[in-house]
Amino acid sequence: MVDCRACKKRFRADQLDEVGPCSSREGSSEHDLTEPRGFNLMLRTQIGASEDAASTPYLRAETCGSIFTDFRRVREVARQKIPFGMAQIGKAFRNEINPRNFTFRSREFEQAELEFFVHPSERERWFEHWREERLRFHRDLGFEPERLRTRPHEDDELAHYARAAVDVEFLFPFGWQEIEGVHDRGDWDLTRHTEFAGKELTITDEETKERYTPMVVETSVGMERTCLALLCNALREETLEGGETRTVLRLPAFLAPVQVAVLPLSKKLSESARRLAGDLRRRFPVFYDESGNIGRRYRRQDEAGTPFCVTWDFDSESDAAVTVRERDSMTQERIGVDALRGWLTDQLEMPA
């Protein structure tokens, strides 16, 4: 890292091309930088009462470490053959010099990773497979095609252990940013664990008797980044007929945190409407609201991204049916109460 003697700001020496002008030097916008010095991106802590070196561990900088240390145990217990993968989600920690850019430079973040173990002769095929599969995953989340792209890493960007890497990027309001990376990590992780822990992690093919160390293809997703991308992709301000404006969060129905809202047309109907909400809540995330006129309640659910509003009206007592309003088109359909749960299940199902 380096420091600016004038403005007292601190920067990573390998990211100086991202640094803006110095705000403290008259007649010059250039920073007055110190010589680079070492900096550990891993966060150090202590375990136990002792402060000696033996009690000093480091918080994990990525979630995949335990996958490699547990590789042999999981493979044998789960009786897996190459190729197979192990996935994990959890917290990771990096000692960023200057935390900034929303969730993109934070010291604590949620990460989801898949380590897929393959034969050395198939590493390129599986790298392409996961590149395409992960791109399809993000398309299924509803990202607009023009806001999604892949960017291969240049040779000078690659990690020292990687043969190839590609970023899945989303076009945020502030520009293109990575939300996931797909990497060919080779045999670096397993061979290093063998070297330093003395654990033999090679595989013997039962048919050919070939002995080899599996190669690893990794996908690594930033969960906060992906959630932010979902919000940016879904948020809309729409002008309706008559000049009225509505704010709507067009989240995919299967991802919406609240999938169904039950709204009695009048508080006089609340007993039956609450009973319906309780029944639907066994299957779906349901919100109940009886406050305000029905139009305002629809707008509140539009802003929250609720895909379906179910209105219990005065006819519902006699015809055992409700009015279901769809968020995006605002169309309404009359559906029998007995058929409602099955209808909603079909509408809220995740794409195959």
Protein backbone atom coordinates (compact mmCIF):
# COMPACT_ATOMS: atom_id res chain seq x y z
CA MET A 1 0.00 0.00 0.00
CA VAL A 2 0.96 3.65 -0.37
CA ASP A 3 -0.06 6.89 1.37
CA CYS A 4 -0.47 10.39 -0.03
CA ARG A 5 1.54 12.82 2.05
CA ALA A 6 -0.74 15.70 1.03
CA CYS A 7 -4.31 14.42 1.43
CA LYS A 8 -3.40 11.61 3.87
CA LYS A 9 -5.39 9.02 1.89
CA ARG A 10 -4.25 5.43 1.60
CA PHE A 11 -4.32 3.30 -1.55
CA ARG A 12 -3.43 -0.13 -2.83
CA ALA A 13 -0.32 0.19 -4.98
CA ASP A 14 -1.75 -2.14 -7.64
CA GLN A 15 -4.91 -0.03 -8.02
CA LEU A 16 -3.46 3.44 -8.54
CA ASP A 17 -5.12 3.72 -11.95
CA GLU A 18 -8.48 3.90 -10.07
CA VAL A 19 -7.33 6.74 -7.82
CA GLY A 20 -8.83 10.16 -8.37
CA PRO A 21 -6.93 13.49 -8.23
CA CYS A 22 -5.41 14.76 -5.02
CA SER A 23 -7.60 17.38 -3.35
CA SER A 24 -4.91 18.96 -1.14
CA ARG A 25 -2.09 20.02 -3.47
CA GLU A 26 -2.25 23.48 -4.98
CA GLY A 27 -1.30 23.69 -8.63
CA SER A 28 -1.16 19.89 -9.06
CA SER A 29 -3.70 17.07 -9.07
CA GLU A 30 -1.09 14.35 -8.59
CA HIS A 31 -0.72 12.57 -5.28
CA ASP A 32 2.52 12.81 -3.32
CA LEU A 33 2.88 9.08 -2.68
CA THR A 34 5.10 7.23 -0.25
CA GLU A 35 7.10 4.18 -1.26
CA PRO A 36 4.99 0.99 -1.45
CA ARG A 37 5.07 -1.26 1.59
CA GLY A 38 3.67 -4.66 2.39
CA PHE A 39 0.06 -5.14 3.41
CA ASN A 40 -1.83 -8.34 4.31
CA LEU A 41 -5.34 -8.55 2.87
CA MET A 42 -6.22 -11.28 5.35
CA LEU A 43 -7.75 -10.29 8.68
CA ARG A 44 -5.82 -11.48 11.71
CA THR A 45 -7.43 -12.28 15.03
CA GLN A 46 -6.63 -14.21 18.23
CA ILE A 47 -8.01 -17.37 19.79
CA GLY A 48 -7.82 -18.10 23.51
CA ALA A 49 -6.29 -16.18 26.38
CA SER A 50 -2.70 -16.41 25.18
CA GLU A 51 -1.24 -13.78 22.89
CA ASP A 52 1.62 -15.85 21.53
CA ALA A 53 1.93 -16.61 17.83
CA ALA A 54 0.31 -20.03 18.19
CA SER A 55 -3.03 -18.41 18.99
CA THR A 56 -3.05 -16.11 15.97
CA PRO A 57 -5.32 -17.32 13.16
CA TYR A 58 -6.57 -15.54 10.05
CA LEU A 59 -10.19 -15.18 8.98
CA ARG A 60 -10.81 -16.91 5.67
CA ALA A 61 -10.48 -14.69 2.62
CA GLU A 62 -12.77 -16.97 0.61
CA THR A 63 -15.17 -19.77 1.50
CA CYS A 64 -13.53 -22.53 -0.55
CA GLY A 65 -10.68 -23.41 1.85
CA SER A 66 -12.60 -26.03 3.80
CA ILE A 67 -13.76 -27.65 0.56
CA PHE A 68 -10.17 -28.48 -0.33
CA THR A 69 -9.19 -29.61 3.15
CA ASP A 70 -12.28 -31.85 3.31
CA PHE A 71 -11.98 -33.06 -0.29
CA ARG A 72 -10.85 -36.60 0.47
CA ARG A 73 -13.25 -37.13 3.38
CA VAL A 74 -16.31 -35.91 1.45
CA ARG A 75 -15.39 -37.87 -1.68
CA GLU A 76 -15.06 -41.11 0.24
CA VAL A 77 -18.08 -40.69 2.52
CA ALA A 78 -20.36 -39.52 -0.31
CA ARG A 79 -18.86 -42.17 -2.65
CA GLN A 80 -18.27 -39.66 -5.41
CA LYS A 81 -16.37 -40.25 -8.63
CA ILE A 82 -14.68 -37.65 -10.79
CA PRO A 83 -16.20 -35.37 -12.03
CA PHE A 84 -18.16 -34.03 -9.06
CA GLY A 85 -18.53 -30.75 -7.22
CA MET A 86 -18.80 -29.37 -3.69
CA ALA A 87 -20.63 -26.11 -2.99
CA GLN A 88 -20.65 -23.84 0.04
CA ILE A 89 -22.05 -20.47 1.07
CA GLY A 90 -20.85 -18.34 3.97
CA LYS A 91 -18.94 -15.32 5.21
CA ALA A 92 -15.52 -14.30 3.91
CA PHE A 93 -13.30 -11.47 5.15
CA ARG A 94 -10.73 -9.19 3.53
CA ASN A 95 -8.78 -6.39 5.14
CA GLU A 96 -9.59 -3.77 2.52
CA ILE A 97 -7.50 -0.61 2.87
CA ASN A 98 -10.37 1.66 1.86
CA PRO A 99 -13.81 -0.01 2.08
CA ARG A 100 -15.97 1.67 -0.55
CA ASN A 101 -18.25 1.22 -3.58
CA PHE A 102 -21.30 -0.14 -1.76
CA THR A 103 -20.82 -3.91 -1.41
CA PHE A 104 -17.87 -4.13 -3.78
CA ARG A 105 -15.08 -3.29 -1.36
CA SER A 106 -16.23 -4.43 2.07
CA ARG A 107 -14.31 -6.23 4.79
CA GLU A 108 -17.07 -8.78 5.42
CA PHE A 109 -19.20 -10.29 2.67
CA GLU A 110 -21.32 -13.30 1.77
CA GLN A 111 -19.85 -15.64 -0.81
CA ALA A 112 -21.19 -18.74 -2.56
CA GLU A 113 -18.66 -21.01 -4.24
CA LEU A 114 -18.62 -24.26 -6.18
CA GLU A 115 -15.42 -26.26 -6.60
CA PHE A 116 -15.83 -28.80 -9.41
CA PHE A 117 -13.18 -31.55 -9.63
CA VAL A 118 -12.35 -32.91 -13.08
CA HIS A 119 -9.83 -35.05 -14.94
CA PRO A 120 -6.89 -32.97 -16.27
CA SER A 121 -7.82 -33.81 -19.87
CA GLU A 122 -11.31 -32.31 -19.39
CA ARG A 123 -10.52 -29.07 -17.59
CA GLU A 124 -11.18 -26.86 -20.65
CA ARG A 125 -14.50 -28.54 -21.47
CA TRP A 126 -15.77 -28.17 -17.92
CA PHE A 127 -14.57 -24.56 -17.72
CA GLU A 128 -16.70 -23.72 -20.77
CA HIS A 129 -19.59 -25.72 -19.36
CA TRP A 130 -19.67 -23.76 -16.11
CA ARG A 131 -19.15 -20.46 -17.88
CA GLU A 132 -22.30 -21.08 -19.92
CA GLU A 133 -24.22 -22.61 -17.02
CA ARG A 134 -23.55 -19.69 -14.70
CA LEU A 135 -24.50 -17.18 -17.36
CA ARG A 136 -27.78 -19.07 -17.85
CA PHE A 137 -28.34 -18.98 -14.08
CA HIS A 138 -28.20 -15.19 -14.06
CA ARG A 139 -30.49 -14.97 -17.09
CA ASP A 140 -32.99 -17.10 -15.19
CA LEU A 141 -32.88 -14.52 -12.39
CA GLY A 142 -34.51 -12.13 -14.86
CA PHE A 143 -31.52 -9.96 -15.71
CA GLU A 144 -32.05 -8.10 -18.96
CA PRO A 145 -29.72 -9.48 -21.69
CA GLU A 146 -28.25 -6.05 -22.46
CA ARG A 147 -27.24 -5.65 -18.80
CA LEU A 148 -25.35 -8.95 -18.59
CA ARG A 149 -22.01 -9.92 -20.14
CA THR A 150 -18.91 -12.05 -19.61
CA ARG A 151 -15.39 -10.63 -19.58
CA PRO A 152 -12.35 -12.93 -19.90
CA HIS A 153 -9.33 -12.01 -17.79
CA GLU A 154 -6.22 -10.80 -19.55
CA ASP A 155 -2.96 -12.64 -18.86
CA ASP A 156 -1.76 -9.94 -16.46
CA GLU A 157 -5.01 -10.19 -14.45
CA LEU A 158 -4.91 -13.91 -13.81
CA ALA A 159 -4.14 -15.22 -10.35
CA HIS A 160 -0.80 -17.02 -10.22
CA TYR A 161 -2.52 -20.42 -9.99
CA ALA A 162 -5.13 -19.86 -12.73
CA ARG A 163 -4.96 -20.87 -16.37
CA ALA A 164 -8.19 -19.06 -17.31
CA ALA A 165 -10.83 -16.87 -15.67
CA VAL A 166 -13.95 -15.05 -16.78
CA ASP A 167 -16.14 -12.56 -14.93
CA VAL A 168 -19.92 -12.39 -15.19
CA GLU A 169 -20.68 -8.67 -15.12
CA PHE A 170 -23.88 -6.70 -14.64
CA LEU A 171 -24.51 -3.14 -15.83
CA PHE A 172 -25.33 -1.21 -12.66
CA PRO A 173 -26.44 2.45 -12.78
CA PHE A 174 -22.79 3.27 -11.96
CA GLY A 175 -21.26 1.01 -14.64
CA TRP A 176 -20.27 -2.60 -15.29
CA GLN A 177 -19.29 -4.57 -12.19
CA GLU A 178 -18.45 -8.21 -11.53
CA ILE A 179 -21.08 -10.33 -9.75
CA GLU A 180 -19.48 -13.75 -10.30
CA GLY A 181 -16.19 -15.26 -11.42
CA VAL A 182 -15.51 -18.61 -13.10
CA HIS A 183 -11.91 -19.82 -12.71
CA ASP A 184 -9.72 -22.68 -13.84
CA ARG A 185 -7.70 -23.17 -10.63
CA GLY A 186 -5.87 -26.25 -11.93
CA ASP A 187 -4.42 -28.55 -9.27
CA TRP A 188 -2.93 -25.72 -7.19
CA ASP A 189 -5.15 -26.12 -4.12
CA LEU A 190 -4.99 -29.89 -3.77
CA THR A 191 -1.24 -30.13 -4.42
CA ARG A 192 -0.48 -27.35 -1.92
CA HIS A 193 -2.61 -29.05 0.71
CA THR A 194 -0.75 -32.30 0.02
CA GLU A 195 2.58 -30.51 0.29
CA PHE A 196 1.98 -28.72 3.58
CA ALA A 197 -0.44 -31.06 5.37
CA GLY A 198 0.98 -34.33 4.13
CA LYS A 199 -2.46 -35.48 2.94
CA GLU A 200 -2.44 -37.58 -0.22
CA LEU A 201 -5.24 -36.29 -2.46
CA THR A 202 -4.55 -38.03 -5.76
CA ILE A 203 -7.19 -40.17 -7.47
CA THR A 204 -6.77 -43.64 -8.96
CA ASP A 205 -9.05 -44.43 -11.89
CA GLU A 206 -10.62 -47.84 -11.25
CA GLU A 207 -10.63 -48.81 -14.92
CA THR A 208 -7.37 -47.39 -16.30
CA LYS A 209 -5.45 -47.43 -12.98
CA GLU A 210 -4.23 -43.92 -13.85
CA ARG A 211 -3.21 -41.89 -10.82
CA TYR A 212 -3.70 -38.13 -11.00
CA THR A 213 -4.53 -35.00 -9.04
CA PRO A 214 -7.93 -33.57 -10.07
CA MET A 215 -8.14 -30.13 -11.61
CA VAL A 216 -10.58 -27.60 -10.17
CA VAL A 217 -13.06 -25.38 -11.98
CA GLU A 218 -14.51 -22.80 -9.60
CA THR A 219 -17.51 -20.50 -9.68
CA SER A 220 -17.61 -17.78 -7.03
CA VAL A 221 -20.65 -15.55 -6.50
CA GLY A 222 -20.86 -12.37 -4.46
CA MET A 223 -24.28 -12.65 -2.81
CA GLU A 224 -24.63 -8.97 -1.82
CA ARG A 225 -23.59 -7.88 -5.31
CA THR A 226 -26.14 -10.19 -6.89
CA CYS A 227 -28.90 -8.95 -4.59
CA LEU A 228 -28.00 -5.36 -5.45
CA ALA A 229 -28.09 -6.25 -9.15
CA LEU A 230 -31.54 -7.80 -8.70
CA LEU A 231 -32.84 -4.61 -7.11
CA CYS A 232 -31.30 -2.39 -9.81
CA ASN A 233 -32.68 -4.63 -12.55
CA ALA A 234 -36.18 -4.76 -11.07
CA LEU A 235 -36.86 -1.20 -9.91
CA ARG A 236 -39.08 0.80 -12.27
CA GLU A 237 -40.97 4.08 -12.27
CA GLU A 238 -43.87 3.85 -14.70
CA THR A 239 -46.29 6.46 -16.01
CA LEU A 240 -49.81 5.06 -16.23
CA GLU A 241 -52.85 6.26 -18.13
CA GLY A 242 -53.99 9.61 -16.84
CA GLY A 243 -50.44 10.63 -15.92
CA GLU A 244 -50.25 8.77 -12.61
CA THR A 245 -46.83 7.39 -11.68
CA ARG A 246 -46.24 4.12 -9.89
CA THR A 247 -43.06 2.62 -8.45
CA VAL A 248 -42.81 -1.11 -9.00
CA LEU A 249 -40.18 -3.70 -8.12
CA ARG A 250 -40.37 -6.26 -10.92
CA LEU A 251 -38.62 -9.10 -9.12
CA PRO A 252 -39.07 -12.58 -10.61
CA ALA A 253 -42.10 -14.07 -8.86
CA PHE A 254 -40.17 -17.06 -7.50
CA LEU A 255 -37.62 -14.71 -5.85
CA ALA A 256 -39.95 -12.15 -4.32
CA PRO A 257 -39.59 -11.97 -0.51
CA VAL A 258 -43.39 -11.59 -0.27
CA GLN A 259 -45.15 -13.59 -2.96
CA VAL A 260 -48.81 -13.10 -2.03
CA ALA A 261 -50.70 -10.26 -0.34
CA VAL A 262 -54.20 -10.90 0.99
CA LEU A 263 -56.31 -7.74 1.03
CA PRO A 264 -59.90 -7.63 2.30
CA LEU A 265 -61.92 -5.03 0.42
CA SER A 266 -63.35 -3.86 3.74
CA LYS A 267 -62.40 -4.37 7.38
CA LYS A 268 -65.81 -6.00 7.76
CA LEU A 269 -64.43 -8.91 5.74
CA SER A 270 -61.24 -9.27 7.78
CA GLU A 271 -62.21 -12.51 9.54
CA SER A 272 -62.57 -14.50 6.30
CA ALA A 273 -59.58 -12.78 4.69
CA ARG A 274 -57.34 -13.58 7.67
CA ARG A 275 -58.42 -17.18 7.53
CA LEU A 276 -57.45 -17.33 3.83
CA ALA A 277 -54.09 -15.65 4.56
CA GLY A 278 -53.35 -18.20 7.26
CA ASP A 279 -54.10 -21.06 4.88
CA LEU A 280 -51.90 -19.65 2.10
CA ARG A 281 -49.10 -18.88 4.56
CA ARG A 282 -48.49 -22.61 4.96
CA ARG A 283 -47.19 -22.65 1.39
CA PHE A 284 -46.12 -19.09 0.48
CA PRO A 285 -44.65 -15.94 2.09
CA VAL A 286 -47.89 -13.97 2.66
CA PHE A 287 -48.52 -10.39 3.77
CA TYR A 288 -51.89 -9.33 5.15
CA ASP A 289 -53.05 -5.70 4.89
CA GLU A 290 -56.45 -4.18 5.63
CA SER A 291 -55.36 -0.54 6.10
CA GLY A 292 -56.29 2.12 3.53
CA ASN A 293 -58.18 1.99 0.25
CA ILE A 294 -57.50 -0.92 -2.07
CA GLY A 295 -55.68 1.19 -4.67
CA ARG A 296 -53.11 2.42 -2.17
CA ARG A 297 -52.62 -1.08 -0.85
CA TYR A 298 -51.93 -2.29 -4.40
CA ARG A 299 -49.31 0.43 -4.81
CA ARG A 300 -47.58 -0.52 -1.56
CA GLN A 301 -47.31 -4.11 -2.74
CA ASP A 302 -46.01 -2.97 -6.15
CA GLU A 303 -43.18 -1.13 -4.41
CA ALA A 304 -42.37 -4.20 -2.30
CA GLY A 305 -42.29 -6.43 -5.39
CA THR A 306 -45.23 -8.67 -4.39
CA PRO A 307 -46.25 -10.47 -7.61
CA PHE A 308 -49.87 -11.30 -6.65
CA CYS A 309 -52.51 -9.51 -4.61
CA VAL A 310 -55.54 -11.56 -3.55
CA THR A 311 -58.62 -9.46 -2.76
CA TRP A 312 -61.43 -10.88 -0.67
CA ASP A 313 -64.56 -8.87 -1.52
CA PHE A 314 -68.26 -8.95 -0.64
CA ASP A 315 -69.00 -11.50 -3.38
CA SER A 316 -66.37 -13.90 -2.01
CA GLU A 317 -68.71 -14.92 0.82
CA SER A 318 -71.27 -16.23 -1.67
CA ASP A 319 -69.25 -17.43 -4.70
CA ALA A 320 -66.17 -18.72 -2.81
CA ALA A 321 -63.85 -16.87 -5.22
CA VAL A 322 -61.32 -14.06 -4.96
CA THR A 323 -59.85 -11.46 -7.33
CA VAL A 324 -56.15 -11.99 -8.06
CA ARG A 325 -54.21 -8.97 -9.38
CA GLU A 326 -50.87 -9.51 -11.16
CA ARG A 327 -48.19 -6.94 -10.32
CA ASP A 328 -46.58 -6.24 -13.70
CA SER A 329 -49.61 -6.16 -16.02
CA MET A 330 -52.07 -5.09 -13.28
CA THR A 331 -54.62 -7.46 -14.82
CA GLN A 332 -57.19 -9.09 -12.55
CA GLU A 333 -58.63 -12.59 -12.62
CA ARG A 334 -61.39 -14.25 -10.64
CA ILE A 335 -60.26 -17.57 -9.14
CA GLY A 336 -62.06 -20.00 -6.87
CA VAL A 337 -60.70 -20.31 -3.33
CA ASP A 338 -60.36 -24.10 -3.67
CA ALA A 339 -58.21 -23.69 -6.79
CA LEU A 340 -56.20 -20.71 -5.54
CA ARG A 341 -53.30 -22.56 -3.89
CA GLY A 342 -52.65 -24.73 -6.98
CA TRP A 343 -52.90 -21.71 -9.29
CA LEU A 344 -50.39 -19.74 -7.24
CA THR A 345 -48.02 -22.72 -7.06
CA ASP A 346 -47.92 -22.89 -10.87
CA GLN A 347 -47.29 -19.14 -11.17
CA LEU A 348 -44.59 -19.00 -8.51
CA GLU A 349 -42.61 -22.05 -9.59
CA MET A 350 -38.92 -21.50 -10.34
CA PRO A 351 -37.97 -22.00 -14.03
CA ALA A 352 -36.67 -25.50 -14.80
